[in-house]
Amino acid sequence: MVDVIGGPSLPQERKLVTSIPGPKSQELLGRKNAAVAAGVGVALPVSIVAAGGGVMVDADGNSLIDLGSGIAVTGVGNSAPAVVEAVTNQVQQFTHTCFTVTPYEGYVQVAEKLNALTPGDHEKRSALFNSGAEAVENAIKIARHYTKKNGVVVFDHAYHGRTNLTMGMTAKNMPYKDGFGPFAPEITRVATSYPFRDGLSGAEAAKVALTQIEKQVGAANLAAIIIEPIQGEGGFIAPAEGFLPALQEWATANGVVFILDEVQTGFARTGDLFAANHEGVVPDLVTTAKGIAGGLPLSAVTGRAEIMDSAHAGGLGGTYAGSPIACAAALATIDTYEKENLAARAREIGAIITEFFTELQKTDARIGDIRGRGAMMAVEFVESGSKTPAAALTSAIAKHAADEGVILLTCGTYGNVVRFLPPLSISDELLREGLQIVADALAANA
């Protein structure tokens, strides 16, 4: 038994005592199918009862290696001690007032933290919400209100959420959009920078995108450009160097609000507190969620004071937005990122993943691309010696990994990307064991 940053004392080991899923997990799956809407799918049907460090334990006693972090949420680990303590203390004080009825200090403290830590040293304001999609939607509301313009530019392979507006901003049809339209108007999609597939430099890709913007929308009609600094669901696509700064420069010169969606990349995940910092990009607005509160629902829009303050009183908010419990968790979570220097840990994790698959790529031409930053890494699988997406292979790898006790997530517009999002509290030994199982899966599907 070992104490871990991210949770209770759990043996940090992979252990299988049943097949995956085991009988108790299968029983819960049957109950889920009878009680939960069919549209709420699950990637791996195991019933989790405990988690911490780099493992998750299911109801059947299996201990699985976690390479997903609940989609980049549990960066500090599951049930991180500081988060548990902060939440427990807050619950004992009060659970809710609604900040827009009677405010409380926790909300203000989180806003102060975000204003200080997000990119740029300009004066900022923050508003808190519940989910990443809600933050994105409010960022667009604020940009439109400030500029008095309607147009919004998004990018190929983007993912911004599941609400009506953010579905329209999201690129991939299945499973996010199919049959759920019509979607919100005034959204234009342009080309992104996808170095593995377009072969362009950042400057060249930016020229393509900006030409499309100028011809299809026009700066005079454009309220905002929004982009993920590394695209998440679209395939962990890291743009070529110079792409993001070029977009920011054009937006600033043309009176367009430049928004970075750091919902998945934020809070140490990419090896810096925010992915924007890797190229010194300073957005007008930034959206955050996922890793912000150690697993509790919280999100935020942070940005330039003059933009954020342009919305009228009562125009922003929500019943649960900035819940006192989530705010307590966020303060403890952010403190943990800083005290444990988890951004540096993310860089170490990224180096291990990159080295492992770079070596494997030398003997397996189905590994088309290895990309990402820090503990947000991905491998794109292709038909051997080509760039043809190998979606069936990718699914087989994920299935093999699950059977062997490794929680592994896929993504990508073409369904051919395996993404690695381990908790930053995972040990090197567990991480390497998980990676080796992925390699074994690749060999088993030769």
Protein backbone atom coordinates (compact mmCIF):
# COMPACT_ATOMS: atom_id res chain seq x y z
CA MET A 1 0.00 0.00 0.00
CA VAL A 2 1.34 3.42 -0.93
CA ASP A 3 0.12 6.93 -0.37
CA VAL A 4 -0.37 8.81 -3.60
CA ILE A 5 -0.95 12.45 -4.46
CA GLY A 6 -4.25 11.67 -6.10
CA GLY A 7 -6.27 9.73 -3.59
CA PRO A 8 -6.58 7.06 -0.94
CA SER A 9 -3.94 4.48 -0.14
CA LEU A 10 -4.36 2.00 -2.98
CA PRO A 11 -1.86 -0.52 -4.31
CA GLN A 12 -0.38 1.14 -7.39
CA GLU A 13 -0.57 -1.93 -9.56
CA ARG A 14 -2.59 -3.44 -12.37
CA LYS A 15 -4.44 -6.52 -11.13
CA LEU A 16 -7.08 -8.60 -12.90
CA VAL A 17 -9.15 -11.04 -10.87
CA THR A 18 -11.97 -11.41 -13.42
CA SER A 19 -12.42 -10.78 -17.09
CA ILE A 20 -13.26 -7.21 -18.04
CA PRO A 21 -16.05 -6.41 -17.40
CA GLY A 22 -16.51 -8.66 -14.39
CA PRO A 23 -19.87 -9.99 -13.16
CA LYS A 24 -20.62 -7.06 -10.80
CA SER A 25 -19.80 -4.56 -13.52
CA GLN A 26 -22.00 -6.47 -15.94
CA GLU A 27 -24.82 -6.37 -13.42
CA LEU A 28 -24.51 -2.58 -13.15
CA LEU A 29 -24.43 -2.32 -16.94
CA GLY A 30 -27.73 -4.18 -17.08
CA ARG A 31 -29.21 -1.76 -14.57
CA LYS A 32 -27.78 1.16 -16.53
CA ASN A 33 -29.40 -0.06 -19.73
CA ALA A 34 -32.77 -0.31 -17.94
CA ALA A 35 -32.59 3.07 -16.19
CA VAL A 36 -30.35 5.42 -18.18
CA ALA A 37 -31.13 6.90 -21.59
CA ALA A 38 -29.49 4.92 -24.40
CA GLY A 39 -27.80 8.05 -25.72
CA VAL A 40 -25.57 8.10 -22.64
CA GLY A 41 -22.95 5.62 -23.76
CA VAL A 42 -19.89 4.32 -21.91
CA ALA A 43 -16.43 3.65 -23.28
CA LEU A 44 -15.56 0.89 -20.81
CA PRO A 45 -18.38 -0.84 -18.87
CA VAL A 46 -16.64 -1.24 -15.52
CA SER A 47 -18.18 -0.09 -12.24
CA ILE A 48 -15.57 1.96 -10.38
CA VAL A 49 -15.59 1.94 -6.56
CA ALA A 50 -12.22 3.56 -5.74
CA ALA A 51 -9.46 5.45 -7.52
CA GLY A 52 -6.18 7.18 -6.75
CA GLY A 53 -2.72 7.73 -8.14
CA GLY A 54 -2.72 5.97 -11.49
CA VAL A 55 -5.29 3.24 -10.82
CA MET A 56 -9.03 2.72 -10.72
CA VAL A 57 -10.55 -0.22 -8.83
CA ASP A 58 -13.81 -1.77 -9.98
CA ALA A 59 -16.59 -3.57 -8.11
CA ASP A 60 -15.09 -6.94 -8.99
CA GLY A 61 -11.73 -6.10 -7.41
CA ASN A 62 -9.88 -5.45 -10.65
CA SER A 63 -7.29 -2.67 -10.51
CA LEU A 64 -6.95 -0.89 -13.84
CA ILE A 65 -4.31 1.54 -15.08
CA ASP A 66 -5.92 4.92 -15.75
CA LEU A 67 -4.68 6.58 -18.94
CA GLY A 68 -7.76 8.77 -19.34
CA SER A 69 -8.22 10.87 -16.17
CA GLY A 70 -11.95 11.09 -16.83
CA ILE A 71 -11.08 12.94 -20.08
CA ALA A 72 -8.35 15.19 -18.61
CA VAL A 73 -10.28 16.06 -15.44
CA THR A 74 -8.41 14.37 -12.60
CA GLY A 75 -5.02 15.92 -13.25
CA VAL A 76 -4.25 16.01 -9.53
CA GLY A 77 -5.52 12.45 -9.22
CA ASN A 78 -8.79 11.08 -7.92
CA SER A 79 -9.79 12.13 -4.39
CA ALA A 80 -6.69 14.28 -3.95
CA PRO A 81 -6.30 14.82 -0.19
CA ALA A 82 -6.35 18.63 -0.32
CA VAL A 83 -9.48 18.54 -2.50
CA VAL A 84 -11.25 16.08 -0.18
CA GLU A 85 -10.45 18.23 2.83
CA ALA A 86 -11.56 21.47 1.16
CA VAL A 87 -14.83 19.97 -0.08
CA THR A 88 -15.59 18.38 3.30
CA ASN A 89 -15.04 21.68 5.09
CA GLN A 90 -17.24 23.56 2.64
CA VAL A 91 -20.08 21.04 2.81
CA GLN A 92 -20.11 21.49 6.58
CA GLN A 93 -20.48 25.26 6.15
CA PHE A 94 -23.09 25.45 3.36
CA THR A 95 -23.73 23.75 0.03
CA HIS A 96 -25.47 26.49 -1.96
CA THR A 97 -26.77 30.02 -1.98
CA CYS A 98 -26.58 30.91 -5.69
CA PHE A 99 -23.84 33.49 -6.13
CA THR A 100 -26.15 35.85 -8.02
CA VAL A 101 -28.51 35.91 -5.02
CA THR A 102 -26.06 36.06 -2.10
CA PRO A 103 -22.34 35.95 -2.98
CA TYR A 104 -19.57 34.14 -1.09
CA GLU A 105 -15.81 34.43 -0.91
CA GLY A 106 -14.90 31.15 -2.63
CA TYR A 107 -16.25 32.33 -5.99
CA VAL A 108 -14.29 35.58 -5.70
CA GLN A 109 -11.12 33.73 -4.72
CA VAL A 110 -11.35 31.46 -7.77
CA ALA A 111 -11.87 34.49 -10.01
CA GLU A 112 -8.85 36.20 -8.45
CA LYS A 113 -6.74 33.08 -9.02
CA LEU A 114 -7.80 32.78 -12.66
CA ASN A 115 -7.20 36.46 -13.31
CA ALA A 116 -3.68 36.11 -11.95
CA LEU A 117 -2.73 32.80 -13.57
CA THR A 118 -4.19 32.93 -17.09
CA PRO A 119 -1.99 34.29 -19.90
CA GLY A 120 -1.29 38.01 -20.02
CA ASP A 121 -0.68 40.69 -17.41
CA HIS A 122 -3.58 42.94 -18.44
CA GLU A 123 -6.52 43.64 -16.14
CA LYS A 124 -8.95 40.73 -16.19
CA ARG A 125 -12.32 39.59 -14.96
CA SER A 126 -13.75 36.07 -14.63
CA ALA A 127 -17.21 34.52 -14.63
CA LEU A 128 -17.82 30.97 -13.40
CA PHE A 129 -20.10 28.32 -14.86
CA ASN A 130 -20.63 24.54 -14.67
CA SER A 131 -19.25 22.87 -17.81
CA GLY A 132 -16.85 23.49 -20.65
CA ALA A 133 -19.67 23.89 -23.16
CA GLU A 134 -21.34 26.44 -20.90
CA ALA A 135 -18.10 28.42 -20.65
CA VAL A 136 -17.66 28.38 -24.43
CA GLU A 137 -21.23 29.48 -25.01
CA ASN A 138 -20.84 32.37 -22.57
CA ALA A 139 -17.55 33.42 -24.15
CA ILE A 140 -19.37 33.77 -27.47
CA LYS A 141 -22.20 35.70 -25.79
CA ILE A 142 -19.68 38.10 -24.26
CA ALA A 143 -17.74 38.56 -27.52
CA ARG A 144 -20.91 39.29 -29.47
CA HIS A 145 -22.15 41.75 -26.84
CA TYR A 146 -18.79 43.55 -26.78
CA THR A 147 -18.24 43.79 -30.53
CA LYS A 148 -21.90 44.22 -31.57
CA LYS A 149 -21.14 41.69 -34.31
CA ASN A 150 -22.48 38.15 -34.82
CA GLY A 151 -20.01 36.07 -36.81
CA VAL A 152 -18.01 33.29 -35.16
CA VAL A 153 -15.12 31.41 -36.78
CA VAL A 154 -14.28 27.87 -35.72
CA PHE A 155 -11.92 25.30 -37.21
CA ASP A 156 -11.86 21.90 -38.88
CA HIS A 157 -11.68 19.05 -36.31
CA ALA A 158 -12.85 21.35 -33.49
CA TYR A 159 -14.79 20.21 -30.45
CA HIS A 160 -16.47 22.81 -28.24
CA GLY A 161 -19.40 21.01 -26.57
CA ARG A 162 -22.87 19.50 -26.81
CA THR A 163 -25.23 22.45 -26.32
CA ASN A 164 -27.01 23.74 -29.42
CA LEU A 165 -24.53 26.56 -30.05
CA THR A 166 -21.46 24.48 -29.28
CA MET A 167 -22.70 21.53 -31.37
CA GLY A 168 -22.78 23.94 -34.29
CA MET A 169 -19.20 24.90 -33.45
CA THR A 170 -18.09 21.26 -33.16
CA ALA A 171 -16.87 19.64 -36.37
CA LYS A 172 -17.52 15.91 -35.99
CA ASN A 173 -21.02 14.72 -36.85
CA MET A 174 -21.13 11.35 -35.05
CA PRO A 175 -21.79 11.03 -32.22
CA TYR A 176 -22.07 14.69 -31.29
CA LYS A 177 -24.39 16.26 -33.86
CA ASP A 178 -26.20 13.67 -35.93
CA GLY A 179 -29.94 14.29 -35.90
CA PHE A 180 -29.78 17.06 -33.30
CA GLY A 181 -30.07 20.11 -35.61
CA PRO A 182 -30.81 22.69 -36.75
CA PHE A 183 -27.88 24.49 -35.20
CA ALA A 184 -27.18 28.10 -34.36
CA PRO A 185 -26.41 30.38 -37.33
CA GLU A 186 -23.48 32.73 -38.02
CA ILE A 187 -20.81 30.03 -37.52
CA THR A 188 -18.14 29.58 -40.21
CA ARG A 189 -15.64 26.71 -40.23
CA VAL A 190 -12.17 27.19 -41.73
CA ALA A 191 -9.04 25.10 -42.18
CA THR A 192 -6.83 24.41 -39.18
CA SER A 193 -3.15 23.54 -38.97
CA TYR A 194 -2.74 19.74 -39.09
CA PRO A 195 0.97 19.21 -39.80
CA PHE A 196 0.78 15.44 -40.28
CA ARG A 197 -1.86 15.81 -43.00
CA ASP A 198 -1.41 19.25 -44.57
CA GLY A 199 2.40 19.50 -44.46
CA LEU A 200 2.18 23.27 -44.01
CA SER A 201 4.16 25.55 -41.75
CA GLY A 202 2.26 27.54 -39.17
CA ALA A 203 2.51 30.69 -41.27
CA GLU A 204 1.29 28.88 -44.40
CA ALA A 205 -1.65 27.27 -42.60
CA ALA A 206 -2.59 30.61 -41.03
CA LYS A 207 -2.58 32.26 -44.44
CA VAL A 208 -5.05 29.65 -45.72
CA ALA A 209 -7.34 30.10 -42.71
CA LEU A 210 -7.21 33.89 -42.71
CA THR A 211 -7.91 34.06 -46.43
CA GLN A 212 -11.00 31.93 -45.88
CA ILE A 213 -12.08 34.21 -43.02
CA GLU A 214 -11.64 37.36 -45.07
CA LYS A 215 -13.45 35.93 -48.10
CA GLN A 216 -16.25 34.02 -46.37
CA VAL A 217 -17.03 36.25 -43.38
CA GLY A 218 -15.17 39.54 -43.40
CA ALA A 219 -13.68 41.17 -40.33
CA ALA A 220 -16.50 43.73 -40.21
CA ASN A 221 -18.97 40.91 -39.47
CA LEU A 222 -16.83 38.80 -37.18
CA ALA A 223 -17.23 38.86 -33.39
CA ALA A 224 -14.82 36.09 -32.45
CA ILE A 225 -12.31 33.48 -33.51
CA ILE A 226 -12.24 30.51 -31.14
CA ILE A 227 -9.77 27.65 -31.23
CA GLU A 228 -8.37 24.93 -28.98
CA PRO A 229 -4.58 25.40 -28.70
CA ILE A 230 -4.39 21.62 -29.11
CA GLN A 231 -7.55 20.16 -30.56
CA GLY A 232 -8.95 17.50 -28.25
CA GLU A 233 -11.72 15.28 -29.60
CA GLY A 234 -10.56 16.11 -33.12
CA GLY A 235 -7.39 14.09 -32.60
CA PHE A 236 -5.03 15.95 -30.26
CA ILE A 237 -3.91 18.02 -33.21
CA ALA A 238 -1.10 20.38 -32.22
CA PRO A 239 -0.84 23.20 -34.77
CA ALA A 240 2.44 24.04 -36.42
CA GLU A 241 4.49 26.68 -34.63
CA GLY A 242 3.37 30.17 -35.53
CA PHE A 243 -0.21 29.30 -36.43
CA LEU A 244 -1.82 30.52 -33.20
CA PRO A 245 0.24 33.74 -32.95
CA ALA A 246 -0.71 34.62 -36.54
CA LEU A 247 -4.41 34.18 -35.78
CA GLN A 248 -4.10 36.28 -32.64
CA GLU A 249 -2.25 39.05 -34.48
CA TRP A 250 -4.88 39.22 -37.22
CA ALA A 251 -7.74 39.22 -34.71
CA THR A 252 -6.21 42.05 -32.71
CA ALA A 253 -5.57 44.11 -35.84
CA ASN A 254 -9.15 43.64 -37.01
CA GLY A 255 -11.12 44.18 -33.79
CA VAL A 256 -12.06 40.51 -33.45
CA VAL A 257 -12.13 38.81 -30.04
CA PHE A 258 -9.58 35.99 -29.96
CA ILE A 259 -10.76 33.13 -27.70
CA LEU A 260 -8.70 30.13 -26.65
CA ASP A 261 -10.70 27.09 -25.57
CA GLU A 262 -8.40 25.63 -22.89
CA VAL A 263 -11.06 23.35 -21.46
CA GLN A 264 -8.96 20.22 -22.11
CA THR A 265 -5.48 21.75 -22.34
CA GLY A 266 -5.62 23.92 -19.22
CA PHE A 267 -4.16 23.40 -15.76
CA ALA A 268 -0.72 21.83 -16.25
CA ARG A 269 -1.95 19.18 -18.71
CA THR A 270 0.40 20.21 -21.54
CA GLY A 271 3.46 20.89 -19.39
CA ASP A 272 2.59 24.51 -18.65
CA LEU A 273 -0.30 25.83 -16.63
CA PHE A 274 -1.95 26.84 -19.93
CA ALA A 275 -1.13 25.68 -23.45
CA ALA A 276 -1.13 29.28 -24.70
CA ASN A 277 2.11 29.85 -22.82
CA HIS A 278 4.12 27.54 -25.07
CA GLU A 279 4.11 30.19 -27.80
CA GLY A 280 3.42 33.24 -25.68
CA VAL A 281 -0.10 33.61 -27.05
CA VAL A 282 -2.30 35.99 -25.03
CA PRO A 283 -6.00 35.49 -25.81
CA ASP A 284 -8.65 38.12 -25.23
CA LEU A 285 -10.78 35.45 -23.54
CA VAL A 286 -9.92 31.96 -22.32
CA THR A 287 -12.34 29.19 -21.36
CA THR A 288 -11.39 26.62 -18.72
CA ALA A 289 -13.03 23.58 -17.11
CA LYS A 290 -12.08 19.87 -16.79
CA GLY A 291 -8.88 19.98 -14.70
CA ILE A 292 -9.94 23.07 -12.76
CA ALA A 293 -11.58 21.48 -9.72
CA GLY A 294 -10.31 17.94 -9.19
CA GLY A 295 -13.44 16.31 -10.60
CA LEU A 296 -16.16 18.67 -9.42
CA PRO A 297 -18.20 20.52 -12.07
CA LEU A 298 -16.81 24.02 -12.62
CA SER A 299 -15.82 26.14 -15.59
CA ALA A 300 -14.87 29.71 -16.28
CA VAL A 301 -14.46 32.48 -18.81
CA THR A 302 -11.55 34.79 -18.03
CA GLY A 303 -10.48 37.73 -20.10
CA ARG A 304 -9.80 41.38 -20.67
CA ALA A 305 -11.71 43.52 -18.20
CA GLU A 306 -13.23 45.78 -20.85
CA ILE A 307 -14.62 42.80 -22.76
CA MET A 308 -15.84 40.83 -19.75
CA ASP A 309 -17.42 43.93 -18.17
CA SER A 310 -19.33 44.80 -21.35
CA ALA A 311 -22.17 42.41 -20.50
CA HIS A 312 -24.94 44.01 -18.47
CA ALA A 313 -25.62 43.02 -14.85
CA GLY A 314 -27.72 39.85 -14.80
CA GLY A 315 -26.59 38.83 -18.27
CA LEU A 316 -24.19 36.18 -16.97
CA GLY A 317 -24.70 33.55 -14.32
CA GLY A 318 -26.76 30.49 -13.49
CA THR A 319 -28.29 28.71 -10.53
CA TYR A 320 -25.31 26.46 -9.85
CA ALA A 321 -22.63 28.50 -11.62
CA GLY A 322 -19.62 28.76 -9.35
CA SER A 323 -20.99 26.35 -6.75
CA PRO A 324 -19.35 26.95 -3.36
CA ILE A 325 -18.36 23.28 -3.17
CA ALA A 326 -16.76 23.34 -6.63
CA CYS A 327 -15.00 26.60 -5.82
CA ALA A 328 -13.50 25.07 -2.66
CA ALA A 329 -12.31 22.12 -4.75
CA ALA A 330 -10.84 24.44 -7.38
CA LEU A 331 -8.80 26.43 -4.88
CA ALA A 332 -7.35 23.22 -3.43
CA THR A 333 -6.76 21.77 -6.90
CA ILE A 334 -4.92 24.83 -8.20
CA ASP A 335 -2.84 24.91 -5.02
CA THR A 336 -1.91 21.26 -5.62
CA TYR A 337 -0.82 21.94 -9.20
CA GLU A 338 1.46 24.67 -7.94
CA LYS A 339 2.86 23.03 -4.79
CA GLU A 340 3.49 19.67 -6.47
CA ASN A 341 4.89 21.32 -9.63
CA LEU A 342 2.62 19.12 -11.72
CA ALA A 343 3.40 21.03 -14.92
CA ALA A 344 6.91 19.64 -14.70
CA ARG A 345 5.47 16.19 -14.01
CA ALA A 346 3.37 16.51 -17.17
CA ARG A 347 6.53 17.20 -19.18
CA GLU A 348 8.14 14.08 -17.72
CA ILE A 349 5.10 12.00 -18.69
CA GLY A 350 5.16 13.43 -22.21
CA ALA A 351 8.83 12.59 -22.62
CA ILE A 352 8.22 8.95 -21.60
CA ILE A 353 5.30 8.55 -24.03
CA THR A 354 7.17 10.23 -26.90
CA GLU A 355 10.30 8.14 -26.39
CA PHE A 356 8.33 4.89 -26.15
CA PHE A 357 6.36 5.33 -29.37
CA THR A 358 9.21 6.93 -31.31
CA GLU A 359 11.20 3.76 -30.71
CA LEU A 360 8.23 1.56 -31.63
CA GLN A 361 7.59 3.59 -34.77
CA LYS A 362 10.98 2.50 -36.14
CA THR A 363 9.63 -1.03 -36.61
CA ASP A 364 5.92 -0.40 -37.17
CA ALA A 365 4.84 1.83 -40.05
CA ARG A 366 1.26 1.86 -38.78
CA ILE A 367 2.29 4.51 -36.27
CA GLY A 368 1.72 7.51 -38.48
CA ASP A 369 2.18 10.38 -36.06
CA ILE A 370 3.16 10.94 -32.43
CA ARG A 371 2.09 14.34 -31.20
CA GLY A 372 0.92 16.52 -28.35
CA ARG A 373 2.48 18.22 -25.36
CA GLY A 374 3.13 17.09 -21.82
CA ALA A 375 0.57 14.62 -20.53
CA MET A 376 -1.72 15.30 -23.49
CA MET A 377 -0.21 12.98 -26.08
CA ALA A 378 -1.60 10.97 -28.98
CA VAL A 379 -0.66 8.39 -31.56
CA GLU A 380 -2.36 8.42 -34.95
CA PHE A 381 -2.62 4.99 -36.55
CA VAL A 382 -2.65 4.52 -40.33
CA GLU A 383 -2.56 1.76 -42.88
CA SER A 384 1.08 0.66 -43.08
CA GLY A 385 3.24 3.10 -45.00
CA SER A 386 0.40 5.48 -45.84
CA LYS A 387 -1.71 8.23 -44.30
CA THR A 388 -4.95 6.30 -44.67
CA PRO A 389 -6.68 6.29 -41.28
CA ALA A 390 -6.74 2.89 -39.56
CA ALA A 391 -9.90 3.21 -37.47
CA ALA A 392 -10.49 -0.54 -37.10
CA LEU A 393 -6.95 -1.03 -35.79
CA THR A 394 -7.43 1.79 -33.32
CA SER A 395 -10.63 0.27 -31.97
CA ALA A 396 -8.94 -3.11 -31.66
CA ILE A 397 -6.06 -1.60 -29.69
CA ALA A 398 -8.46 0.09 -27.27
CA LYS A 399 -10.43 -3.17 -26.84
CA HIS A 400 -7.25 -5.19 -26.21
CA ALA A 401 -6.05 -2.62 -23.67
CA ALA A 402 -9.40 -2.70 -21.84
CA ASP A 403 -9.34 -6.49 -21.70
CA GLU A 404 -5.87 -6.27 -20.14
CA GLY A 405 -6.87 -3.68 -17.54
CA VAL A 406 -5.87 -0.39 -19.15
CA ILE A 407 -8.34 2.47 -19.53
CA LEU A 408 -7.53 3.95 -22.92
CA LEU A 409 -9.45 6.59 -24.88
CA THR A 410 -9.67 7.07 -28.62
CA CYS A 411 -10.48 10.23 -30.57
CA GLY A 412 -10.02 11.91 -33.95
CA THR A 413 -12.25 12.92 -36.82
CA TYR A 414 -11.30 9.67 -38.57
CA GLY A 415 -11.49 7.52 -35.41
CA ASN A 416 -7.84 6.52 -35.70
CA VAL A 417 -6.16 8.26 -32.75
CA VAL A 418 -5.33 6.86 -29.31
CA ARG A 419 -4.95 9.62 -26.73
CA PHE A 420 -2.97 9.49 -23.53
CA LEU A 421 -4.29 11.57 -20.62
CA PRO A 422 -2.94 9.92 -17.48
CA PRO A 423 -3.41 11.60 -14.11
CA LEU A 424 -0.31 13.60 -13.29
CA SER A 425 -0.06 11.51 -10.11
CA ILE A 426 0.68 8.29 -12.04
CA SER A 427 4.01 6.57 -11.42
CA ASP A 428 6.54 5.98 -14.18
CA GLU A 429 6.21 2.23 -13.61
CA LEU A 430 2.45 2.17 -14.11
CA LEU A 431 2.69 4.46 -17.12
CA ARG A 432 5.30 2.29 -18.81
CA GLU A 433 3.29 -0.86 -18.08
CA GLY A 434 0.23 0.73 -19.68
CA LEU A 435 2.21 1.78 -22.74
CA GLN A 436 3.63 -1.72 -23.12
CA ILE A 437 0.10 -3.16 -23.17
CA VAL A 438 -0.72 -0.75 -26.02
CA ALA A 439 2.37 -2.02 -27.84
CA ASP A 440 1.27 -5.60 -27.20
CA ALA A 441 -2.15 -4.73 -28.62
CA LEU A 442 -0.52 -3.35 -31.75
CA ALA A 443 1.53 -6.53 -32.16
CA ALA A 444 -1.52 -8.71 -31.59
CA ASN A 445 -3.30 -6.95 -34.45
CA ALA A 446 -0.48 -7.19 -36.98
